Amino acid sequence: MERVLRALAVACVAAAPMLLPATAAAQFDKPEDAVKYRQSVLTVMSNHFGRIAPVVRGQQPYDAAQVRADVAIVSMMSKLPWSAFAPGTESKGARPAVWSDNAKFKQASERLEGDVAKLVAAAETGDLAQVRAAYGAVGASCKACHDNFRNR
């Protein structure tokens, strides 16, 4: 099972650059397709990030291979949703600031991707203390973006 998860994670990370289109228009026929896409990507990312939470909280045993597999999926997914926030894809879940202050939104997405890269590096060490620290930084990035750009 561990080998299968690792292979899947490696394949997902390797395929990620091929999934990134030059523009959102090239990827989505209708604005609602972009909304569904970004919601789906963020849901999958959140689910895999959430699987790590009980481990960093000490509620489940540390399985380094499983954490690496979940982190690899979080890493791949963290690169995908941004093209789906193109002009004309506004939705009730996203605040208008996504489009009106797009530079700040882009900065938030870059912060997340940078923090996720640090989480990948921490997971590769196998050191739970490093994973905990990097996990917290990713969580803070998620929260900051949600606080500024997500309607609830």
N, C-alpha and C. Protein backbone atom coordinates (compact mmCIF):
# COMPACT_ATOMS: atom_id res chain seq x y z
N MET A 1 0.83 -1.19 0.00
CA MET A 1 0.00 0.00 0.00
C MET A 1 0.87 1.25 0.00
N GLU A 2 1.94 1.19 0.82
CA GLU A 2 2.84 2.34 0.90
C GLU A 2 3.47 2.63 -0.46
N ARG A 3 3.88 1.60 -1.15
CA ARG A 3 4.48 1.78 -2.48
C ARG A 3 3.49 2.38 -3.46
N VAL A 4 2.25 1.93 -3.39
CA VAL A 4 1.21 2.44 -4.29
C VAL A 4 0.99 3.93 -4.01
N LEU A 5 0.87 4.30 -2.73
CA LEU A 5 0.66 5.71 -2.38
C LEU A 5 1.84 6.56 -2.81
N ARG A 6 3.05 6.05 -2.59
CA ARG A 6 4.24 6.80 -2.99
C ARG A 6 4.27 6.97 -4.51
N ALA A 7 3.99 5.92 -5.24
CA ALA A 7 3.99 6.00 -6.70
C ALA A 7 2.93 6.97 -7.19
N LEU A 8 1.76 6.93 -6.56
CA LEU A 8 0.69 7.86 -6.93
C LEU A 8 1.11 9.29 -6.66
N ALA A 9 1.70 9.53 -5.52
CA ALA A 9 2.13 10.88 -5.17
C ALA A 9 3.20 11.38 -6.15
N VAL A 10 4.16 10.54 -6.46
CA VAL A 10 5.21 10.93 -7.40
C VAL A 10 4.61 11.21 -8.78
N ALA A 11 3.69 10.37 -9.21
CA ALA A 11 3.05 10.58 -10.52
C ALA A 11 2.27 11.88 -10.54
N CYS A 12 1.57 12.17 -9.45
CA CYS A 12 0.79 13.41 -9.38
C CYS A 12 1.70 14.63 -9.45
N VAL A 13 2.78 14.59 -8.70
CA VAL A 13 3.72 15.73 -8.70
C VAL A 13 4.35 15.88 -10.08
N ALA A 14 4.71 14.78 -10.70
CA ALA A 14 5.32 14.84 -12.03
C ALA A 14 4.36 15.36 -13.08
N ALA A 15 3.08 15.04 -12.93
CA ALA A 15 2.08 15.46 -13.92
C ALA A 15 1.60 16.88 -13.73
N ALA A 16 1.81 17.45 -12.56
CA ALA A 16 1.27 18.78 -12.25
C ALA A 16 1.63 19.84 -13.29
N PRO A 17 2.88 19.96 -13.71
CA PRO A 17 3.18 21.01 -14.70
C PRO A 17 2.40 20.86 -16.01
N MET A 18 2.08 19.64 -16.38
CA MET A 18 1.33 19.43 -17.61
C MET A 18 -0.13 19.84 -17.45
N LEU A 19 -0.59 19.93 -16.22
CA LEU A 19 -1.99 20.29 -15.96
C LEU A 19 -2.20 21.79 -15.89
N LEU A 20 -1.14 22.55 -15.85
CA LEU A 20 -1.26 23.99 -15.69
C LEU A 20 -1.37 24.67 -17.06
N PRO A 21 -2.51 25.21 -17.39
CA PRO A 21 -2.67 25.86 -18.69
C PRO A 21 -2.07 27.25 -18.69
N ALA A 22 -1.85 27.77 -19.87
CA ALA A 22 -1.31 29.12 -19.99
C ALA A 22 -2.33 30.15 -19.49
N THR A 23 -3.59 29.91 -19.76
CA THR A 23 -4.63 30.83 -19.30
C THR A 23 -5.84 30.04 -18.85
N ALA A 24 -6.65 30.67 -18.01
CA ALA A 24 -7.87 30.01 -17.56
C ALA A 24 -8.82 29.79 -18.73
N ALA A 25 -8.83 30.72 -19.66
CA ALA A 25 -9.73 30.61 -20.81
C ALA A 25 -9.44 29.34 -21.61
N ALA A 26 -8.19 28.93 -21.64
CA ALA A 26 -7.83 27.73 -22.38
C ALA A 26 -8.34 26.47 -21.70
N GLN A 27 -8.64 26.59 -20.41
CA GLN A 27 -9.03 25.41 -19.64
C GLN A 27 -10.53 25.28 -19.42
N PHE A 28 -11.24 26.39 -19.35
CA PHE A 28 -12.65 26.36 -18.94
C PHE A 28 -13.55 26.95 -20.02
N ASP A 29 -14.60 26.21 -20.38
CA ASP A 29 -15.56 26.69 -21.36
C ASP A 29 -16.53 27.70 -20.76
N LYS A 30 -16.87 27.49 -19.48
CA LYS A 30 -17.84 28.36 -18.81
C LYS A 30 -17.29 28.79 -17.46
N PRO A 31 -17.65 29.99 -16.99
CA PRO A 31 -17.17 30.45 -15.68
C PRO A 31 -17.50 29.46 -14.56
N GLU A 32 -18.67 28.84 -14.61
CA GLU A 32 -19.02 27.91 -13.53
C GLU A 32 -18.12 26.68 -13.52
N ASP A 33 -17.52 26.35 -14.67
CA ASP A 33 -16.55 25.25 -14.71
C ASP A 33 -15.31 25.63 -13.92
N ALA A 34 -14.89 26.86 -14.03
CA ALA A 34 -13.73 27.34 -13.27
C ALA A 34 -14.01 27.30 -11.77
N VAL A 35 -15.21 27.72 -11.39
CA VAL A 35 -15.59 27.72 -9.98
C VAL A 35 -15.58 26.28 -9.44
N LYS A 36 -16.19 25.36 -10.16
CA LYS A 36 -16.21 23.96 -9.73
C LYS A 36 -14.80 23.39 -9.63
N TYR A 37 -13.98 23.72 -10.59
CA TYR A 37 -12.60 23.23 -10.62
C TYR A 37 -11.85 23.70 -9.39
N ARG A 38 -11.86 25.00 -9.14
CA ARG A 38 -11.07 25.51 -8.01
C ARG A 38 -11.62 25.00 -6.68
N GLN A 39 -12.95 24.87 -6.57
CA GLN A 39 -13.52 24.33 -5.34
C GLN A 39 -13.10 22.87 -5.15
N SER A 40 -13.09 22.12 -6.22
CA SER A 40 -12.69 20.71 -6.15
C SER A 40 -11.22 20.58 -5.75
N VAL A 41 -10.37 21.36 -6.39
CA VAL A 41 -8.94 21.31 -6.08
C VAL A 41 -8.71 21.66 -4.62
N LEU A 42 -9.32 22.73 -4.16
CA LEU A 42 -9.11 23.16 -2.78
C LEU A 42 -9.69 22.16 -1.79
N THR A 43 -10.77 21.48 -2.15
CA THR A 43 -11.32 20.44 -1.28
C THR A 43 -10.38 19.26 -1.15
N VAL A 44 -9.84 18.80 -2.26
CA VAL A 44 -8.89 17.68 -2.21
C VAL A 44 -7.66 18.08 -1.40
N MET A 45 -7.14 19.28 -1.65
CA MET A 45 -5.98 19.75 -0.91
C MET A 45 -6.28 19.79 0.59
N SER A 46 -7.43 20.33 0.95
CA SER A 46 -7.83 20.42 2.35
C SER A 46 -7.96 19.03 2.99
N ASN A 47 -8.52 18.10 2.26
CA ASN A 47 -8.68 16.74 2.80
C ASN A 47 -7.34 16.09 3.11
N HIS A 48 -6.39 16.22 2.20
CA HIS A 48 -5.08 15.61 2.44
C HIS A 48 -4.30 16.37 3.50
N PHE A 49 -4.44 17.67 3.55
CA PHE A 49 -3.81 18.45 4.61
C PHE A 49 -4.42 18.05 5.97
N GLY A 50 -5.72 17.87 6.00
CA GLY A 50 -6.41 17.49 7.22
C GLY A 50 -6.02 16.11 7.73
N ARG A 51 -5.61 15.23 6.85
CA ARG A 51 -5.18 13.89 7.26
C ARG A 51 -3.90 13.95 8.10
N ILE A 52 -3.14 15.01 7.93
CA ILE A 52 -1.88 15.15 8.66
C ILE A 52 -2.12 15.73 10.05
N ALA A 53 -3.22 16.44 10.25
CA ALA A 53 -3.50 17.12 11.51
C ALA A 53 -3.41 16.22 12.74
N PRO A 54 -4.06 15.05 12.75
CA PRO A 54 -3.98 14.23 13.96
C PRO A 54 -2.55 13.76 14.26
N VAL A 55 -1.75 13.63 13.24
CA VAL A 55 -0.37 13.21 13.43
C VAL A 55 0.44 14.33 14.08
N VAL A 56 0.32 15.54 13.57
CA VAL A 56 1.11 16.65 14.15
C VAL A 56 0.60 17.02 15.54
N ARG A 57 -0.65 16.68 15.84
CA ARG A 57 -1.20 16.94 17.17
C ARG A 57 -0.91 15.81 18.16
N GLY A 58 -0.29 14.74 17.68
CA GLY A 58 0.03 13.62 18.54
C GLY A 58 -1.15 12.71 18.81
N GLN A 59 -2.18 12.80 18.02
CA GLN A 59 -3.39 11.98 18.22
C GLN A 59 -3.33 10.66 17.45
N GLN A 60 -2.41 10.59 16.49
CA GLN A 60 -2.19 9.37 15.73
C GLN A 60 -0.69 9.16 15.62
N PRO A 61 -0.28 7.90 15.46
CA PRO A 61 1.15 7.64 15.31
C PRO A 61 1.69 8.26 14.02
N TYR A 62 2.95 8.61 14.05
CA TYR A 62 3.61 9.21 12.90
C TYR A 62 4.01 8.12 11.92
N ASP A 63 3.42 8.16 10.76
CA ASP A 63 3.77 7.28 9.66
C ASP A 63 4.38 8.19 8.59
N ALA A 64 5.69 8.22 8.56
CA ALA A 64 6.41 9.16 7.68
C ALA A 64 6.01 8.97 6.21
N ALA A 65 5.85 7.73 5.79
CA ALA A 65 5.49 7.47 4.39
C ALA A 65 4.10 8.03 4.07
N GLN A 66 3.16 7.84 4.97
CA GLN A 66 1.81 8.35 4.73
C GLN A 66 1.81 9.88 4.72
N VAL A 67 2.55 10.48 5.62
CA VAL A 67 2.63 11.94 5.66
C VAL A 67 3.25 12.45 4.36
N ARG A 68 4.32 11.81 3.91
CA ARG A 68 4.94 12.22 2.64
C ARG A 68 3.95 12.12 1.49
N ALA A 69 3.16 11.05 1.47
CA ALA A 69 2.17 10.86 0.40
C ALA A 69 1.12 11.97 0.43
N ASP A 70 0.61 12.29 1.62
CA ASP A 70 -0.39 13.35 1.73
C ASP A 70 0.22 14.71 1.38
N VAL A 71 1.44 14.95 1.82
CA VAL A 71 2.11 16.21 1.52
C VAL A 71 2.34 16.35 0.02
N ALA A 72 2.68 15.26 -0.65
CA ALA A 72 2.89 15.32 -2.10
C ALA A 72 1.61 15.73 -2.82
N ILE A 73 0.48 15.23 -2.36
CA ILE A 73 -0.79 15.61 -2.98
C ILE A 73 -1.12 17.06 -2.68
N VAL A 74 -0.90 17.49 -1.43
CA VAL A 74 -1.11 18.90 -1.08
C VAL A 74 -0.23 19.78 -1.96
N SER A 75 1.00 19.37 -2.16
CA SER A 75 1.93 20.16 -2.98
C SER A 75 1.43 20.30 -4.41
N MET A 76 1.04 19.19 -5.01
CA MET A 76 0.55 19.25 -6.39
C MET A 76 -0.70 20.12 -6.48
N MET A 77 -1.63 19.91 -5.57
CA MET A 77 -2.89 20.64 -5.62
C MET A 77 -2.70 22.13 -5.35
N SER A 78 -1.70 22.48 -4.55
CA SER A 78 -1.49 23.90 -4.22
C SER A 78 -1.11 24.74 -5.43
N LYS A 79 -0.72 24.11 -6.50
CA LYS A 79 -0.33 24.83 -7.71
C LYS A 79 -1.49 25.00 -8.70
N LEU A 80 -2.58 24.30 -8.48
CA LEU A 80 -3.62 24.20 -9.50
C LEU A 80 -4.76 25.23 -9.47
N PRO A 81 -5.24 25.69 -8.34
CA PRO A 81 -6.50 26.45 -8.38
C PRO A 81 -6.39 27.86 -8.94
N TRP A 82 -5.22 28.43 -8.98
CA TRP A 82 -5.07 29.87 -9.23
C TRP A 82 -5.53 30.30 -10.61
N SER A 83 -5.34 29.47 -11.62
CA SER A 83 -5.80 29.84 -12.97
C SER A 83 -7.32 29.89 -13.06
N ALA A 84 -7.98 29.25 -12.11
CA ALA A 84 -9.44 29.22 -12.13
C ALA A 84 -10.06 30.43 -11.43
N PHE A 85 -9.23 31.38 -11.03
CA PHE A 85 -9.71 32.63 -10.45
C PHE A 85 -9.58 33.77 -11.47
N ALA A 86 -9.84 33.48 -12.71
CA ALA A 86 -9.73 34.48 -13.77
C ALA A 86 -10.90 35.46 -13.70
N PRO A 87 -10.74 36.65 -14.26
CA PRO A 87 -11.87 37.58 -14.33
C PRO A 87 -13.07 36.92 -14.99
N GLY A 88 -14.23 37.20 -14.45
CA GLY A 88 -15.45 36.62 -14.98
C GLY A 88 -15.86 35.33 -14.30
N THR A 89 -15.04 34.88 -13.33
CA THR A 89 -15.36 33.63 -12.62
C THR A 89 -15.74 33.91 -11.16
N GLU A 90 -16.24 35.10 -10.90
CA GLU A 90 -16.63 35.48 -9.56
C GLU A 90 -17.72 34.52 -9.06
N SER A 91 -17.71 34.28 -7.75
CA SER A 91 -18.71 33.40 -7.14
C SER A 91 -19.00 33.87 -5.73
N LYS A 92 -20.06 33.33 -5.14
CA LYS A 92 -20.42 33.75 -3.79
C LYS A 92 -19.42 33.27 -2.75
N GLY A 93 -18.62 32.28 -3.06
CA GLY A 93 -17.63 31.78 -2.11
C GLY A 93 -16.36 32.61 -2.02
N ALA A 94 -16.10 33.37 -3.06
CA ALA A 94 -14.89 34.19 -3.10
C ALA A 94 -15.27 35.66 -2.95
N ARG A 95 -14.51 36.36 -2.14
CA ARG A 95 -14.77 37.79 -1.95
C ARG A 95 -14.32 38.57 -3.20
N PRO A 96 -14.92 39.72 -3.45
CA PRO A 96 -14.54 40.53 -4.60
C PRO A 96 -13.06 40.93 -4.59
N ALA A 97 -12.44 40.93 -3.41
CA ALA A 97 -11.02 41.31 -3.31
C ALA A 97 -10.11 40.39 -4.12
N VAL A 98 -10.57 39.17 -4.40
CA VAL A 98 -9.77 38.27 -5.24
C VAL A 98 -9.46 38.95 -6.57
N TRP A 99 -10.43 39.68 -7.10
CA TRP A 99 -10.27 40.32 -8.38
C TRP A 99 -9.88 41.79 -8.25
N SER A 100 -10.41 42.48 -7.24
CA SER A 100 -10.11 43.91 -7.09
C SER A 100 -8.72 44.15 -6.50
N ASP A 101 -8.22 43.22 -5.72
CA ASP A 101 -6.87 43.32 -5.15
C ASP A 101 -6.10 42.06 -5.53
N ASN A 102 -6.05 41.80 -6.84
CA ASN A 102 -5.47 40.57 -7.34
C ASN A 102 -4.00 40.43 -6.99
N ALA A 103 -3.27 41.53 -6.86
CA ALA A 103 -1.85 41.44 -6.49
C ALA A 103 -1.70 40.83 -5.10
N LYS A 104 -2.56 41.23 -4.19
CA LYS A 104 -2.52 40.68 -2.83
C LYS A 104 -2.93 39.20 -2.85
N PHE A 105 -3.92 38.87 -3.68
CA PHE A 105 -4.35 37.48 -3.80
C PHE A 105 -3.23 36.63 -4.38
N LYS A 106 -2.56 37.14 -5.39
CA LYS A 106 -1.43 36.41 -5.99
C LYS A 106 -0.32 36.21 -4.96
N GLN A 107 -0.06 37.23 -4.17
CA GLN A 107 0.95 37.14 -3.12
C GLN A 107 0.56 36.05 -2.11
N ALA A 108 -0.71 35.98 -1.75
CA ALA A 108 -1.17 34.95 -0.82
C ALA A 108 -1.00 33.56 -1.42
N SER A 109 -1.29 33.41 -2.71
CA SER A 109 -1.13 32.09 -3.34
C SER A 109 0.35 31.70 -3.41
N GLU A 110 1.21 32.66 -3.65
CA GLU A 110 2.65 32.39 -3.69
C GLU A 110 3.17 32.03 -2.30
N ARG A 111 2.64 32.69 -1.28
CA ARG A 111 3.03 32.36 0.11
C ARG A 111 2.65 30.92 0.41
N LEU A 112 1.43 30.53 0.03
CA LEU A 112 1.00 29.16 0.27
C LEU A 112 1.92 28.18 -0.44
N GLU A 113 2.19 28.41 -1.70
CA GLU A 113 3.05 27.50 -2.45
C GLU A 113 4.44 27.41 -1.83
N GLY A 114 4.97 28.53 -1.36
CA GLY A 114 6.28 28.53 -0.70
C GLY A 114 6.25 27.75 0.61
N ASP A 115 5.21 27.96 1.39
CA ASP A 115 5.09 27.23 2.66
C ASP A 115 4.88 25.74 2.42
N VAL A 116 4.14 25.39 1.39
CA VAL A 116 3.95 23.97 1.06
C VAL A 116 5.28 23.36 0.62
N ALA A 117 6.09 24.09 -0.12
CA ALA A 117 7.41 23.58 -0.52
C ALA A 117 8.26 23.28 0.72
N LYS A 118 8.16 24.12 1.73
CA LYS A 118 8.88 23.87 2.99
C LYS A 118 8.33 22.64 3.70
N LEU A 119 7.01 22.43 3.61
CA LEU A 119 6.41 21.24 4.20
C LEU A 119 6.90 19.98 3.47
N VAL A 120 7.02 20.05 2.17
CA VAL A 120 7.55 18.93 1.40
C VAL A 120 8.96 18.60 1.89
N ALA A 121 9.80 19.62 2.02
CA ALA A 121 11.17 19.41 2.48
C ALA A 121 11.19 18.82 3.88
N ALA A 122 10.33 19.31 4.75
CA ALA A 122 10.26 18.78 6.13
C ALA A 122 9.83 17.32 6.12
N ALA A 123 8.83 17.00 5.31
CA ALA A 123 8.34 15.62 5.25
C ALA A 123 9.43 14.68 4.73
N GLU A 124 10.23 15.16 3.82
CA GLU A 124 11.32 14.34 3.27
C GLU A 124 12.38 14.01 4.32
N THR A 125 12.53 14.86 5.33
CA THR A 125 13.52 14.57 6.38
C THR A 125 13.07 13.43 7.28
N GLY A 126 11.76 13.23 7.39
CA GLY A 126 11.25 12.22 8.30
C GLY A 126 11.20 12.67 9.74
N ASP A 127 11.54 13.93 9.99
CA ASP A 127 11.58 14.49 11.35
C ASP A 127 10.22 15.12 11.66
N LEU A 128 9.51 14.52 12.61
CA LEU A 128 8.17 15.00 12.95
C LEU A 128 8.19 16.44 13.45
N ALA A 129 9.20 16.84 14.17
CA ALA A 129 9.28 18.22 14.67
C ALA A 129 9.32 19.21 13.51
N GLN A 130 10.07 18.88 12.47
CA GLN A 130 10.12 19.75 11.29
C GLN A 130 8.78 19.76 10.56
N VAL A 131 8.14 18.61 10.49
CA VAL A 131 6.83 18.53 9.85
C VAL A 131 5.83 19.39 10.61
N ARG A 132 5.86 19.30 11.94
CA ARG A 132 4.93 20.11 12.76
C ARG A 132 5.11 21.60 12.48
N ALA A 133 6.34 22.06 12.46
CA ALA A 133 6.60 23.49 12.25
C ALA A 133 6.13 23.93 10.86
N ALA A 134 6.46 23.13 9.86
CA ALA A 134 6.08 23.48 8.49
C ALA A 134 4.56 23.37 8.30
N TYR A 135 3.95 22.41 8.95
CA TYR A 135 2.50 22.25 8.87
C TYR A 135 1.81 23.49 9.42
N GLY A 136 2.31 23.99 10.53
CA GLY A 136 1.74 25.20 11.13
C GLY A 136 1.83 26.40 10.20
N ALA A 137 2.94 26.53 9.50
CA ALA A 137 3.10 27.64 8.56
C ALA A 137 2.11 27.54 7.40
N VAL A 138 1.90 26.33 6.90
CA VAL A 138 0.93 26.15 5.81
C VAL A 138 -0.47 26.48 6.32
N GLY A 139 -0.78 26.02 7.51
CA GLY A 139 -2.09 26.33 8.09
C GLY A 139 -2.30 27.83 8.23
N ALA A 140 -1.26 28.54 8.63
CA ALA A 140 -1.36 30.00 8.76
C ALA A 140 -1.57 30.65 7.39
N SER A 141 -0.92 30.13 6.36
CA SER A 141 -1.13 30.65 5.00
C SER A 141 -2.57 30.44 4.55
N CYS A 142 -3.09 29.26 4.81
CA CYS A 142 -4.48 28.97 4.45
C CYS A 142 -5.43 29.93 5.17
N LYS A 143 -5.21 30.08 6.46
CA LYS A 143 -6.08 30.94 7.26
C LYS A 143 -6.02 32.38 6.77
N ALA A 144 -4.84 32.88 6.50
CA ALA A 144 -4.70 34.27 6.04
C ALA A 144 -5.44 34.49 4.73
N CYS A 145 -5.35 33.55 3.83
CA CYS A 145 -6.05 33.69 2.55
C CYS A 145 -7.56 33.62 2.77
N HIS A 146 -8.00 32.69 3.58
CA HIS A 146 -9.43 32.57 3.87
C HIS A 146 -9.95 33.84 4.54
N ASP A 147 -9.19 34.37 5.49
CA ASP A 147 -9.62 35.58 6.17
C ASP A 147 -9.79 36.76 5.22
N ASN A 148 -8.94 36.84 4.23
CA ASN A 148 -8.96 37.98 3.30
C ASN A 148 -9.79 37.76 2.05
N PHE A 149 -9.94 36.53 1.61
CA PHE A 149 -10.50 36.30 0.27
C PHE A 149 -11.66 35.31 0.19
N ARG A 150 -12.07 34.73 1.30
CA ARG A 150 -13.13 33.72 1.24
C ARG A 150 -14.35 34.18 2.03
N ASN A 151 -15.51 34.05 1.42
CA ASN A 151 -16.78 34.29 2.12
C ASN A 151 -17.18 33.02 2.84
N ARG A 152 -17.71 33.19 4.00
CA ARG A 152 -18.23 32.02 4.74
C ARG A 152 -19.62 32.31 5.18
